[in-house]
Amino acid sequence: MSQHVVMDVIAKDPVQALFTKEAGLCASESDAKWNHLKIAKARKRRMDQLLSISKTDKVEVLDTKEKPQLRKSESKKESAERGVLSSVSQNQVLSQQRKEACQMMRFFVYGCVGNENAKTQKEKDQIFSEALGSWAQVQTLYILWSKLDDDNSGRVDFAEFRGFAEARMMELVQAALDSESQTLARLPSWAVVQTQEDVNKSTSKFIKILEQILLGVKSSFVLEDMMRIIWPMSQHNHLTEMRRWCTEISSALDRTVVKTPPLLPEEQLEDLQCVFQYFDLDRDGHLKVSELLASGFLNQQEAQSLIEKYDADEDEQLNMAEFTEMLCPLGFRVREEASHATLDDGRNVWFDADVQRWRLAEEA
């Protein structure tokens, strides 16, 4: 007995087949409408991709209806700087918020605002009209930025910044407390802090103002943002110039940076300590010129010269640490916290605490 098997053949495009059946169209009409639908979908997908890219890059979209003055003032150069804090022209009035941010950022970077010795309010306010920093100022800023941007991503988010800012403010507070009271009196009221609670309040205020200024369109900031806060009137050409200086500063640092010298083996350090104890006739833990002369290895001029060169605490004598550092063999550093050492070829190197790297002494 014969059997008839009915099988549904899967269409080449099942979705199109369903569309044709539901719409009640013939093949030719279906193809035309289906192609039109696919084009429309493709356009929508492309638009979704563009919107996704825009969100990822955090590109600021300006609403011309709500902010016509912002669109009008944006130049081609400003467009190139998109994502950087907006500039302020000389004929614009700087907001109180930007003035506070300027003072706080200067204190954060330099430990002072820079107008503490000004006699009149007009002289104090001159910092708000500055557009370009000096080479030394930019160098200090760049070194601090290098610590902030430790992963060399070119951006710093506020979560990272908060932790660094708290430690930095503590450092500045301690320096201020160790200085004369007159110096403290010349600082802005928010910078005169004496307790941990004061430090926390000042840091929180500083970060809050920066977040209000910068977080309107992004969750992180770049070096140019810091420049524009410190020098409020800086324009595109000023940022470009200071950025060029940073490149030169970085190149100069790279030319002088060397590998960290290895630690002197423990047994060799003990040998040097024994030599120190042999020379230390009165066992007071210090070597004076007279004791170096008594060794018979040095004359008056040589002994005096060595003490002047290696006497780090300037007490006109050498302690154990200074003596062992002086006699440390080439290519080693005498201890973990040593600040001076030599390379295998005899060149002197030193530890630059600002950039946290060892550098050649002759080019420092």
Foldseek 3Di string as FASTA:
>chain_A
DDDDDDDDDCDPDNVLVVVCVVVVHDPVVSVVVVVVVVVVVVVVVVVVVVVVVCVVVLFDDDDCVVCVVVVVPQDPLNVVVTLAFDADAPPDDDDPLLVVLLQLLCCLQPVGNPQLPPDDPVSVCVQQQFAADDLVSLLSLLLVVCVQPVVPPQKHFLVSVLVVSLVSLVVSQVVVVPDDVSVLVSGPPLSNDDDSVSSVVSSVVNSVSVCVRNVPRDRIHGSSNSSCSNRRNHDSVNSVVSVVSSVVSVVLQVVFFDDAQAEDDPVVLVVQLVVVVVLPVVPPQKHALVSVVVVVPDDSVVSQVLCVVQVPVPPRIGGSQSSSQSVPDARHGHDDPDFWGHHNVGFIWGQDPSNRTIGGPVSD
